[in-house]
Amino acid sequence: MGMIENFEAMLASGKDSALLRFSLGNAYMQSADASHLTIAITHLCAAVKQDSDYSAAWKLLGKAYVANANIDDAKTAYEEGIRAANAKGDKQAAKEMTVFLKRLNNVSN
């Protein structure tokens, strides 16, 4: 049983959490199957819904949206992630997402 299957089994058994959803999103993002991107987004959205201060989940969600060509959603995810990171004092995550957001804004202008 692979990592995705193990995480999905945990979720199916009722062990839902922001960390599990983040882990699932990350595992689906690392999959070579392009169709897994929308599944990753679904899990990452669930992670930030469960914990809106989870800056790493916001950052990965932004990356997933960019990979899926959802630029407006990516910008929103990065903006929320920057807010969450700043609230937690996670300066590195805030700095990274600020750079990603600036790049998106420069591309769309």
PDB file of N, CA and C in Angstrom:
ATOM      1  N   MET A   1       0.852  -1.181   0.000  1.00  0.00           N
ATOM      2  CA  MET A   1       0.000   0.000   0.000  1.00  0.00           C
ATOM      3  C   MET A   1       0.897   1.243   0.000  1.00  0.00           C
ATOM      4  N   GLY A   2       0.623   2.160  -0.926  1.00  0.00           N
ATOM      5  CA  GLY A   2       1.432   3.359  -1.039  1.00  0.00           C
ATOM      6  C   GLY A   2       1.004   4.441  -0.066  1.00  0.00           C
ATOM      7  N   MET A   3       1.730   5.540  -0.101  1.00  0.00           N
ATOM      8  CA  MET A   3       1.476   6.649   0.811  1.00  0.00           C
ATOM      9  C   MET A   3       0.062   7.204   0.640  1.00  0.00           C
ATOM     10  N   ILE A   4      -0.354   7.424  -0.591  1.00  0.00           N
ATOM     11  CA  ILE A   4      -1.694   7.967  -0.835  1.00  0.00           C
ATOM     12  C   ILE A   4      -2.750   7.014  -0.288  1.00  0.00           C
ATOM     13  N   GLU A   5      -2.580   5.735  -0.558  1.00  0.00           N
ATOM     14  CA  GLU A   5      -3.551   4.752  -0.085  1.00  0.00           C
ATOM     15  C   GLU A   5      -3.614   4.732   1.441  1.00  0.00           C
ATOM     16  N   ASN A   6      -2.455   4.825   2.098  1.00  0.00           N
ATOM     17  CA  ASN A   6      -2.423   4.851   3.562  1.00  0.00           C
ATOM     18  C   ASN A   6      -3.150   6.077   4.107  1.00  0.00           C
ATOM     19  N   PHE A   7      -2.873   7.233   3.518  1.00  0.00           N
ATOM     20  CA  PHE A   7      -3.538   8.461   3.975  1.00  0.00           C
ATOM     21  C   PHE A   7      -5.041   8.400   3.715  1.00  0.00           C
ATOM     22  N   GLU A   8      -5.424   7.889   2.546  1.00  0.00           N
ATOM     23  CA  GLU A   8      -6.849   7.772   2.222  1.00  0.00           C
ATOM     24  C   GLU A   8      -7.544   6.811   3.188  1.00  0.00           C
ATOM     25  N   ALA A   9      -6.859   5.739   3.577  1.00  0.00           N
ATOM     26  CA  ALA A   9      -7.427   4.789   4.538  1.00  0.00           C
ATOM     27  C   ALA A   9      -7.618   5.464   5.904  1.00  0.00           C
ATOM     28  N   MET A  10      -6.668   6.290   6.301  1.00  0.00           N
ATOM     29  CA  MET A  10      -6.810   7.027   7.554  1.00  0.00           C
ATOM     30  C   MET A  10      -8.014   7.957   7.494  1.00  0.00           C
ATOM     31  N   LEU A  11      -8.161   8.648   6.390  1.00  0.00           N
ATOM     32  CA  LEU A  11      -9.287   9.560   6.217  1.00  0.00           C
ATOM     33  C   LEU A  11     -10.605   8.789   6.245  1.00  0.00           C
ATOM     34  N   ALA A  12     -10.647   7.673   5.556  1.00  0.00           N
ATOM     35  CA  ALA A  12     -11.864   6.858   5.514  1.00  0.00           C
ATOM     36  C   ALA A  12     -12.233   6.307   6.886  1.00  0.00           C
ATOM     37  N   SER A  13     -11.224   6.124   7.748  1.00  0.00           N
ATOM     38  CA  SER A  13     -11.490   5.597   9.087  1.00  0.00           C
ATOM     39  C   SER A  13     -11.956   6.682  10.055  1.00  0.00           C
ATOM     40  N   GLY A  14     -12.051   7.922   9.555  1.00  0.00           N
ATOM     41  CA  GLY A  14     -12.554   9.014  10.391  1.00  0.00           C
ATOM     42  C   GLY A  14     -11.492   9.866  11.046  1.00  0.00           C
ATOM     43  N   LYS A  15     -10.259   9.686  10.678  1.00  0.00           N
ATOM     44  CA  LYS A  15      -9.158  10.451  11.283  1.00  0.00           C
ATOM     45  C   LYS A  15      -8.871  11.721  10.492  1.00  0.00           C
ATOM     46  N   ASP A  16      -9.892  12.497  10.229  1.00  0.00           N
ATOM     47  CA  ASP A  16      -9.746  13.715   9.435  1.00  0.00           C
ATOM     48  C   ASP A  16      -9.087  14.809  10.270  1.00  0.00           C
ATOM     49  N   SER A  17      -8.117  15.483   9.676  1.00  0.00           N
ATOM     50  CA  SER A  17      -7.447  16.614  10.333  1.00  0.00           C
ATOM     51  C   SER A  17      -6.790  17.476   9.267  1.00  0.00           C
ATOM     52  N   ALA A  18      -6.447  18.682   9.640  1.00  0.00           N
ATOM     53  CA  ALA A  18      -5.766  19.573   8.699  1.00  0.00           C
ATOM     54  C   ALA A  18      -4.438  18.975   8.259  1.00  0.00           C
ATOM     55  N   LEU A  19      -3.711  18.368   9.191  1.00  0.00           N
ATOM     56  CA  LEU A  19      -2.420  17.762   8.848  1.00  0.00           C
ATOM     57  C   LEU A  19      -2.596  16.600   7.872  1.00  0.00           C
ATOM     58  N   LEU A  20      -3.608  15.763   8.092  1.00  0.00           N
ATOM     59  CA  LEU A  20      -3.848  14.652   7.177  1.00  0.00           C
ATOM     60  C   LEU A  20      -4.233  15.176   5.798  1.00  0.00           C
ATOM     61  N   ARG A  21      -5.085  16.186   5.750  1.00  0.00           N
ATOM     62  CA  ARG A  21      -5.485  16.755   4.455  1.00  0.00           C
ATOM     63  C   ARG A  21      -4.283  17.392   3.754  1.00  0.00           C
ATOM     64  N   PHE A  22      -3.426  18.079   4.507  1.00  0.00           N
ATOM     65  CA  PHE A  22      -2.206  18.649   3.931  1.00  0.00           C
ATOM     66  C   PHE A  22      -1.332  17.528   3.370  1.00  0.00           C
ATOM     67  N   SER A  23      -1.167  16.465   4.141  1.00  0.00           N
ATOM     68  CA  SER A  23      -0.334  15.339   3.710  1.00  0.00           C
ATOM     69  C   SER A  23      -0.889  14.689   2.449  1.00  0.00           C
ATOM     70  N   LEU A  24      -2.211  14.537   2.385  1.00  0.00           N
ATOM     71  CA  LEU A  24      -2.835  13.999   1.183  1.00  0.00           C
ATOM     72  C   LEU A  24      -2.621  14.927  -0.010  1.00  0.00           C
ATOM     73  N   GLY A  25      -2.844  16.216   0.207  1.00  0.00           N
ATOM     74  CA  GLY A  25      -2.630  17.178  -0.871  1.00  0.00           C
ATOM     75  C   GLY A  25      -1.213  17.137  -1.386  1.00  0.00           C
ATOM     76  N   ASN A  26      -0.268  17.073  -0.473  1.00  0.00           N
ATOM     77  CA  ASN A  26       1.141  17.020  -0.843  1.00  0.00           C
ATOM     78  C   ASN A  26       1.448  15.735  -1.616  1.00  0.00           C
ATOM     79  N   ALA A  27       0.920  14.609  -1.148  1.00  0.00           N
ATOM     80  CA  ALA A  27       1.161  13.336  -1.827  1.00  0.00           C
ATOM     81  C   ALA A  27       0.575  13.348  -3.241  1.00  0.00           C
ATOM     82  N   TYR A  28      -0.622  13.872  -3.378  1.00  0.00           N
ATOM     83  CA  TYR A  28      -1.227  13.954  -4.721  1.00  0.00           C
ATOM     84  C   TYR A  28      -0.448  14.927  -5.611  1.00  0.00           C
ATOM     85  N   MET A  29       0.079  16.001  -5.041  1.00  0.00           N
ATOM     86  CA  MET A  29       0.885  16.954  -5.830  1.00  0.00           C
ATOM     87  C   MET A  29       2.153  16.282  -6.359  1.00  0.00           C
ATOM     88  N   GLN A  30       2.719  15.392  -5.576  1.00  0.00           N
ATOM     89  CA  GLN A  30       3.964  14.726  -5.971  1.00  0.00           C
ATOM     90  C   GLN A  30       3.735  13.580  -6.949  1.00  0.00           C
ATOM     91  N   SER A  31       2.486  13.195  -7.128  1.00  0.00           N
ATOM     92  CA  SER A  31       2.153  12.122  -8.060  1.00  0.00           C
ATOM     93  C   SER A  31       2.436  12.564  -9.489  1.00  0.00           C
ATOM     94  N   ALA A  32       2.824  11.621 -10.306  1.00  0.00           N
ATOM     95  CA  ALA A  32       3.097  11.929 -11.712  1.00  0.00           C
ATOM     96  C   ALA A  32       1.805  12.051 -12.525  1.00  0.00           C
ATOM     97  N   ASP A  33       0.684  11.694 -11.929  1.00  0.00           N
ATOM     98  CA  ASP A  33      -0.604  11.698 -12.617  1.00  0.00           C
ATOM     99  C   ASP A  33      -1.209  13.102 -12.564  1.00  0.00           C
ATOM    100  N   ALA A  34      -1.327  13.752 -13.710  1.00  0.00           N
ATOM    101  CA  ALA A  34      -1.839  15.129 -13.771  1.00  0.00           C
ATOM    102  C   ALA A  34      -3.273  15.235 -13.266  1.00  0.00           C
ATOM    103  N   SER A  35      -4.042  14.158 -13.384  1.00  0.00           N
ATOM    104  CA  SER A  35      -5.427  14.200 -12.915  1.00  0.00           C
ATOM    105  C   SER A  35      -5.507  14.288 -11.393  1.00  0.00           C
ATOM    106  N   HIS A  36      -4.416  14.031 -10.711  1.00  0.00           N
ATOM    107  CA  HIS A  36      -4.390  14.106  -9.253  1.00  0.00           C
ATOM    108  C   HIS A  36      -4.349  15.543  -8.737  1.00  0.00           C
ATOM    109  N   LEU A  37      -4.094  16.479  -9.617  1.00  0.00           N
ATOM    110  CA  LEU A  37      -3.983  17.877  -9.206  1.00  0.00           C
ATOM    111  C   LEU A  37      -5.287  18.389  -8.596  1.00  0.00           C
ATOM    112  N   THR A  38      -6.405  18.081  -9.190  1.00  0.00           N
ATOM    113  CA  THR A  38      -7.684  18.546  -8.639  1.00  0.00           C
ATOM    114  C   THR A  38      -7.994  17.872  -7.304  1.00  0.00           C
ATOM    115  N   ILE A  39      -7.555  16.640  -7.146  1.00  0.00           N
ATOM    116  CA  ILE A  39      -7.740  15.945  -5.862  1.00  0.00           C
ATOM    117  C   ILE A  39      -6.873  16.621  -4.801  1.00  0.00           C
ATOM    118  N   ALA A  40      -5.652  16.984  -5.169  1.00  0.00           N
ATOM    119  CA  ALA A  40      -4.763  17.692  -4.244  1.00  0.00           C
ATOM    120  C   ALA A  40      -5.400  18.997  -3.789  1.00  0.00           C
ATOM    121  N   ILE A  41      -5.966  19.736  -4.725  1.00  0.00           N
ATOM    122  CA  ILE A  41      -6.607  21.016  -4.401  1.00  0.00           C
ATOM    123  C   ILE A  41      -7.760  20.796  -3.427  1.00  0.00           C
ATOM    124  N   THR A  42      -8.551  19.763  -3.658  1.00  0.00           N
ATOM    125  CA  THR A  42      -9.673  19.462  -2.770  1.00  0.00           C
ATOM    126  C   THR A  42      -9.192  19.221  -1.338  1.00  0.00           C
ATOM    127  N   HIS A  43      -8.143  18.437  -1.191  1.00  0.00           N
ATOM    128  CA  HIS A  43      -7.623  18.143   0.154  1.00  0.00           C
ATOM    129  C   HIS A  43      -6.984  19.377   0.795  1.00  0.00           C
ATOM    130  N   LEU A  44      -6.291  20.164   0.015  1.00  0.00           N
ATOM    131  CA  LEU A  44      -5.659  21.371   0.561  1.00  0.00           C
ATOM    132  C   LEU A  44      -6.708  22.396   0.962  1.00  0.00           C
ATOM    133  N   CYS A  45      -7.777  22.501   0.202  1.00  0.00           N
ATOM    134  CA  CYS A  45      -8.878  23.392   0.595  1.00  0.00           C
ATOM    135  C   CYS A  45      -9.484  22.932   1.915  1.00  0.00           C
ATOM    136  N   ALA A  46      -9.619  21.621   2.078  1.00  0.00           N
ATOM    137  CA  ALA A  46     -10.144  21.086   3.339  1.00  0.00           C
ATOM    138  C   ALA A  46      -9.192  21.392   4.495  1.00  0.00           C
ATOM    139  N   ALA A  47      -7.891  21.328   4.237  1.00  0.00           N
ATOM    140  CA  ALA A  47      -6.901  21.613   5.284  1.00  0.00           C
ATOM    141  C   ALA A  47      -7.031  23.047   5.779  1.00  0.00           C
ATOM    142  N   VAL A  48      -7.116  24.008   4.853  1.00  0.00           N
ATOM    143  CA  VAL A  48      -7.191  25.408   5.280  1.00  0.00           C
ATOM    144  C   VAL A  48      -8.569  25.758   5.834  1.00  0.00           C
ATOM    145  N   LYS A  49      -9.580  24.996   5.445  1.00  0.00           N
ATOM    146  CA  LYS A  49     -10.903  25.202   6.035  1.00  0.00           C
ATOM    147  C   LYS A  49     -10.894  24.754   7.497  1.00  0.00           C
ATOM    148  N   GLN A  50     -10.199  23.662   7.771  1.00  0.00           N
ATOM    149  CA  GLN A  50     -10.097  23.156   9.134  1.00  0.00           C
ATOM    150  C   GLN A  50      -9.173  24.012   9.999  1.00  0.00           C
ATOM    151  N   ASP A  51      -8.136  24.575   9.393  1.00  0.00           N
ATOM    152  CA  ASP A  51      -7.172  25.399  10.133  1.00  0.00           C
ATOM    153  C   ASP A  51      -6.742  26.551   9.237  1.00  0.00           C
ATOM    154  N   SER A  52      -7.432  27.675   9.361  1.00  0.00           N
ATOM    155  CA  SER A  52      -7.155  28.820   8.481  1.00  0.00           C
ATOM    156  C   SER A  52      -5.800  29.473   8.755  1.00  0.00           C
ATOM    157  N   ASP A  53      -5.118  29.068   9.810  1.00  0.00           N
ATOM    158  CA  ASP A  53      -3.788  29.608  10.112  1.00  0.00           C
ATOM    159  C   ASP A  53      -2.659  28.677   9.661  1.00  0.00           C
ATOM    160  N   TYR A  54      -2.972  27.660   8.890  1.00  0.00           N
ATOM    161  CA  TYR A  54      -1.997  26.663   8.438  1.00  0.00           C
ATOM    162  C   TYR A  54      -1.265  27.215   7.212  1.00  0.00           C
ATOM    163  N   SER A  55      -0.233  28.003   7.454  1.00  0.00           N
ATOM    164  CA  SER A  55       0.439  28.715   6.367  1.00  0.00           C
ATOM    165  C   SER A  55       1.058  27.773   5.331  1.00  0.00           C
ATOM    166  N   ALA A  56       1.583  26.636   5.755  1.00  0.00           N
ATOM    167  CA  ALA A  56       2.172  25.692   4.793  1.00  0.00           C
ATOM    168  C   ALA A  56       1.107  25.150   3.846  1.00  0.00           C
ATOM    169  N   ALA A  57      -0.095  24.944   4.364  1.00  0.00           N
ATOM    170  CA  ALA A  57      -1.184  24.461   3.507  1.00  0.00           C
ATOM    171  C   ALA A  57      -1.601  25.538   2.513  1.00  0.00           C
ATOM    172  N   TRP A  58      -1.649  26.777   2.955  1.00  0.00           N
ATOM    173  CA  TRP A  58      -1.967  27.881   2.034  1.00  0.00           C
ATOM    174  C   TRP A  58      -0.926  27.967   0.930  1.00  0.00           C
ATOM    175  N   LYS A  59       0.344  27.831   1.303  1.00  0.00           N
ATOM    176  CA  LYS A  59       1.426  27.927   0.316  1.00  0.00           C
ATOM    177  C   LYS A  59       1.320  26.808  -0.715  1.00  0.00           C
ATOM    178  N   LEU A  60       1.062  25.579  -0.258  1.00  0.00           N
ATOM    179  CA  LEU A  60       0.937  24.463  -1.191  1.00  0.00           C
ATOM    180  C   LEU A  60      -0.332  24.589  -2.026  1.00  0.00           C
ATOM    181  N   LEU A  61      -1.390  25.103  -1.438  1.00  0.00           N
ATOM    182  CA  LEU A  61      -2.621  25.332  -2.195  1.00  0.00           C
ATOM    183  C   LEU A  61      -2.370  26.339  -3.314  1.00  0.00           C
ATOM    184  N   GLY A  62      -1.661  27.407  -3.021  1.00  0.00           N
ATOM    185  CA  GLY A  62      -1.308  28.381  -4.060  1.00  0.00           C
ATOM    186  C   GLY A  62      -0.523  27.728  -5.184  1.00  0.00           C
ATOM    187  N   LYS A  63       0.433  26.896  -4.823  1.00  0.00           N
ATOM    188  CA  LYS A  63       1.246  26.191  -5.820  1.00  0.00           C
ATOM    189  C   LYS A  63       0.374  25.271  -6.671  1.00  0.00           C
ATOM    190  N   ALA A  64      -0.568  24.590  -6.035  1.00  0.00           N
ATOM    191  CA  ALA A  64      -1.468  23.689  -6.762  1.00  0.00           C
ATOM    192  C   ALA A  64      -2.342  24.468  -7.739  1.00  0.00           C
ATOM    193  N   TYR A  65      -2.847  25.609  -7.285  1.00  0.00           N
ATOM    194  CA  TYR A  65      -3.664  26.436  -8.182  1.00  0.00           C
ATOM    195  C   TYR A  65      -2.849  26.931  -9.371  1.00  0.00           C
ATOM    196  N   VAL A  66      -1.607  27.326  -9.145  1.00  0.00           N
ATOM    197  CA  VAL A  66      -0.750  27.766 -10.253  1.00  0.00           C
ATOM    198  C   VAL A  66      -0.559  26.619 -11.241  1.00  0.00           C
ATOM    199  N   ALA A  67      -0.276  25.432 -10.721  1.00  0.00           N
ATOM    200  CA  ALA A  67      -0.076  24.265 -11.587  1.00  0.00           C
ATOM    201  C   ALA A  67      -1.336  23.928 -12.379  1.00  0.00           C
ATOM    202  N   ASN A  68      -2.492  24.292 -11.829  1.00  0.00           N
ATOM    203  CA  ASN A  68      -3.766  24.034 -12.486  1.00  0.00           C
ATOM    204  C   ASN A  68      -4.251  25.241 -13.294  1.00  0.00           C
ATOM    205  N   ALA A  69      -3.391  26.264 -13.421  1.00  0.00           N
ATOM    206  CA  ALA A  69      -3.674  27.487 -14.182  1.00  0.00           C
ATOM    207  C   ALA A  69      -4.844  28.295 -13.612  1.00  0.00           C
ATOM    208  N   ASN A  70      -5.076  28.196 -12.326  1.00  0.00           N
ATOM    209  CA  ASN A  70      -6.093  28.998 -11.634  1.00  0.00           C
ATOM    210  C   ASN A  70      -5.384  30.153 -10.927  1.00  0.00           C
ATOM    211  N   ILE A  71      -4.977  31.136 -11.696  1.00  0.00           N
ATOM    212  CA  ILE A  71      -4.127  32.199 -11.180  1.00  0.00           C
ATOM    213  C   ILE A  71      -4.845  33.054 -10.131  1.00  0.00           C
ATOM    214  N   ASP A  72      -6.095  33.400 -10.364  1.00  0.00           N
ATOM    215  CA  ASP A  72      -6.824  34.217  -9.380  1.00  0.00           C
ATOM    216  C   ASP A  72      -6.960  33.486  -8.054  1.00  0.00           C
ATOM    217  N   ASP A  73      -7.252  32.186  -8.103  1.00  0.00           N
ATOM    218  CA  ASP A  73      -7.348  31.395  -6.877  1.00  0.00           C
ATOM    219  C   ASP A  73      -5.986  31.293  -6.193  1.00  0.00           C
ATOM    220  N   ALA A  74      -4.933  31.180  -6.991  1.00  0.00           N
ATOM    221  CA  ALA A  74      -3.584  31.121  -6.425  1.00  0.00           C
ATOM    222  C   ALA A  74      -3.252  32.413  -5.685  1.00  0.00           C
ATOM    223  N   LYS A  75      -3.601  33.542  -6.287  1.00  0.00           N
ATOM    224  CA  LYS A  75      -3.350  34.823  -5.632  1.00  0.00           C
ATOM    225  C   LYS A  75      -4.086  34.909  -4.301  1.00  0.00           C
ATOM    226  N   THR A  76      -5.336  34.484  -4.290  1.00  0.00           N
ATOM    227  CA  THR A  76      -6.123  34.500  -3.061  1.00  0.00           C
ATOM    228  C   THR A  76      -5.497  33.593  -2.010  1.00  0.00           C
ATOM    229  N   ALA A  77      -5.061  32.410  -2.424  1.00  0.00           N
ATOM    230  CA  ALA A  77      -4.430  31.473  -1.481  1.00  0.00           C
ATOM    231  C   ALA A  77      -3.157  32.074  -0.895  1.00  0.00           C
ATOM    232  N   TYR A  78      -2.345  32.692  -1.739  1.00  0.00           N
ATOM    233  CA  TYR A  78      -1.121  33.307  -1.230  1.00  0.00           C
ATOM    234  C   TYR A  78      -1.427  34.479  -0.299  1.00  0.00           C
ATOM    235  N   GLU A  79      -2.414  35.277  -0.633  1.00  0.00           N
ATOM    236  CA  GLU A  79      -2.790  36.394   0.238  1.00  0.00           C
ATOM    237  C   GLU A  79      -3.245  35.894   1.604  1.00  0.00           C
ATOM    238  N   GLU A  80      -4.071  34.866   1.608  1.00  0.00           N
ATOM    239  CA  GLU A  80      -4.527  34.276   2.874  1.00  0.00           C
ATOM    240  C   GLU A  80      -3.361  33.634   3.621  1.00  0.00           C
ATOM    241  N   GLY A  81      -2.477  33.003   2.881  1.00  0.00           N
ATOM    242  CA  GLY A  81      -1.305  32.378   3.484  1.00  0.00           C
ATOM    243  C   GLY A  81      -0.371  33.394   4.118  1.00  0.00           C
ATOM    244  N   ILE A  82      -0.195  34.526   3.468  1.00  0.00           N
ATOM    245  CA  ILE A  82       0.645  35.596   4.029  1.00  0.00           C
ATOM    246  C   ILE A  82       0.030  36.109   5.324  1.00  0.00           C
ATOM    247  N   ARG A  83      -1.299  36.293   5.317  1.00  0.00           N
ATOM    248  CA  ARG A  83      -1.989  36.737   6.522  1.00  0.00           C
ATOM    249  C   ARG A  83      -1.787  35.725   7.651  1.00  0.00           C
ATOM    250  N   ALA A  84      -1.969  34.448   7.341  1.00  0.00           N
ATOM    251  CA  ALA A  84      -1.818  33.395   8.344  1.00  0.00           C
ATOM    252  C   ALA A  84      -0.383  33.324   8.860  1.00  0.00           C
ATOM    253  N   ALA A  85       0.572  33.401   7.954  1.00  0.00           N
ATOM    254  CA  ALA A  85       1.981  33.325   8.351  1.00  0.00           C
ATOM    255  C   ALA A  85       2.370  34.507   9.227  1.00  0.00           C
ATOM    256  N   ASN A  86       1.930  35.697   8.850  1.00  0.00           N
ATOM    257  CA  ASN A  86       2.233  36.878   9.660  1.00  0.00           C
ATOM    258  C   ASN A  86       1.604  36.784  11.047  1.00  0.00           C
ATOM    259  N   ALA A  87       0.392  36.248  11.112  1.00  0.00           N
ATOM    260  CA  ALA A  87      -0.297  36.104  12.398  1.00  0.00           C
ATOM    261  C   ALA A  87       0.454  35.149  13.316  1.00  0.00           C
ATOM    262  N   LYS A  88       1.103  34.148  12.739  1.00  0.00           N
ATOM    263  CA  LYS A  88       1.859  33.162  13.520  1.00  0.00           C
ATOM    264  C   LYS A  88       3.314  33.557  13.733  1.00  0.00           C
ATOM    265  N   GLY A  89       3.762  34.599  13.052  1.00  0.00           N
ATOM    266  CA  GLY A  89       5.163  34.975  13.130  1.00  0.00           C
ATOM    267  C   GLY A  89       6.059  34.107  12.265  1.00  0.00           C
ATOM    268  N   ASP A  90       5.477  33.435  11.283  1.00  0.00           N
ATOM    269  CA  ASP A  90       6.214  32.563  10.371  1.00  0.00           C
ATOM    270  C   ASP A  90       6.753  33.417   9.222  1.00  0.00           C
ATOM    271  N   LYS A  91       7.846  34.114   9.501  1.00  0.00           N
ATOM    272  CA  LYS A  91       8.382  35.099   8.555  1.00  0.00           C
ATOM    273  C   LYS A  91       8.850  34.484   7.247  1.00  0.00           C
ATOM    274  N   GLN A  92       9.453  33.299   7.313  1.00  0.00           N
ATOM    275  CA  GLN A  92       9.960  32.677   6.098  1.00  0.00           C
ATOM    276  C   GLN A  92       8.824  32.327   5.139  1.00  0.00           C
ATOM    277  N   ALA A  93       7.762  31.727   5.659  1.00  0.00           N
ATOM    278  CA  ALA A  93       6.621  31.375   4.802  1.00  0.00           C
ATOM    279  C   ALA A  93       5.983  32.631   4.223  1.00  0.00           C
ATOM    280  N   ALA A  94       5.848  33.670   5.034  1.00  0.00           N
ATOM    281  CA  ALA A  94       5.268  34.923   4.542  1.00  0.00           C
ATOM    282  C   ALA A  94       6.133  35.506   3.430  1.00  0.00           C
ATOM    283  N   LYS A  95       7.433  35.473   3.617  1.00  0.00           N
ATOM    284  CA  LYS A  95       8.356  36.005   2.616  1.00  0.00           C
ATOM    285  C   LYS A  95       8.257  35.220   1.302  1.00  0.00           C
ATOM    286  N   GLU A  96       8.224  33.891   1.396  1.00  0.00           N
ATOM    287  CA  GLU A  96       8.136  33.066   0.192  1.00  0.00           C
ATOM    288  C   GLU A  96       6.843  33.335  -0.565  1.00  0.00           C
ATOM    289  N   MET A  97       5.728  33.362   0.159  1.00  0.00           N
ATOM    290  CA  MET A  97       4.445  33.585  -0.509  1.00  0.00           C
ATOM    291  C   MET A  97       4.342  34.995  -1.079  1.00  0.00           C
ATOM    292  N   THR A  98       4.977  35.957  -0.450  1.00  0.00           N
ATOM    293  CA  THR A  98       5.002  37.319  -0.978  1.00  0.00           C
ATOM    294  C   THR A  98       5.724  37.344  -2.322  1.00  0.00           C
ATOM    295  N   VAL A  99       6.824  36.619  -2.418  1.00  0.00           N
ATOM    296  CA  VAL A  99       7.568  36.520  -3.678  1.00  0.00           C
ATOM    297  C   VAL A  99       6.707  35.841  -4.750  1.00  0.00           C
ATOM    298  N   PHE A 100       6.053  34.733  -4.378  1.00  0.00           N
ATOM    299  CA  PHE A 100       5.194  34.022  -5.343  1.00  0.00           C
ATOM    300  C   PHE A 100       4.061  34.929  -5.824  1.00  0.00           C
ATOM    301  N   LEU A 101       3.463  35.665  -4.899  1.00  0.00           N
ATOM    302  CA  LEU A 101       2.356  36.558  -5.246  1.00  0.00           C
ATOM    303  C   LEU A 101       2.833  37.679  -6.170  1.00  0.00           C
ATOM    304  N   LYS A 102       3.985  38.253  -5.888  1.00  0.00           N
ATOM    305  CA  LYS A 102       4.530  39.306  -6.749  1.00  0.00           C
ATOM    306  C   LYS A 102       4.783  38.785  -8.155  1.00  0.00           C
ATOM    307  N   ARG A 103       5.293  37.574  -8.256  1.00  0.00           N
ATOM    308  CA  ARG A 103       5.542  36.974  -9.576  1.00  0.00           C
ATOM    309  C   ARG A 103       4.231  36.818 -10.344  1.00  0.00           C
ATOM    310  N   LEU A 104       3.205  36.350  -9.660  1.00  0.00           N
ATOM    311  CA  LEU A 104       1.898  36.191 -10.322  1.00  0.00           C
ATOM    312  C   LEU A 104       1.348  37.530 -10.763  1.00  0.00           C
ATOM    313  N   ASN A 105       1.483  38.537  -9.918  1.00  0.00           N
ATOM    314  CA  ASN A 105       0.984  39.862 -10.269  1.00  0.00           C
ATOM    315  C   ASN A 105       1.758  40.455 -11.439  1.00  0.00           C
ATOM    316  N   ASN A 106       3.055  40.192 -11.523  1.00  0.00           N
ATOM    317  CA  ASN A 106       3.857  40.689 -12.641  1.00  0.00           C
ATOM    318  C   ASN A 106       3.505  39.979 -13.946  1.00  0.00           C
ATOM    319  N   VAL A 107       3.166  38.711 -13.868  1.00  0.00           N
ATOM    320  CA  VAL A 107       2.801  37.948 -15.073  1.00  0.00           C
ATOM    321  C   VAL A 107       1.441  38.392 -15.604  1.00  0.00           C
ATOM    322  N   SER A 108       0.517  38.666 -14.679  1.00  0.00           N
ATOM    323  CA  SER A 108      -0.845  39.013 -15.115  1.00  0.00           C
ATOM    324  C   SER A 108      -1.014  40.493 -15.456  1.00  0.00           C
ATOM    325  N   ASN A 109       0.036  41.288 -15.284  1.00  0.00           N
ATOM    326  CA  ASN A 109      -0.054  42.717 -15.625  1.00  0.00           C
ATOM    327  C   ASN A 109       0.487  43.001 -17.007  1.00  0.00           C
TER     328      ASN A 109
END
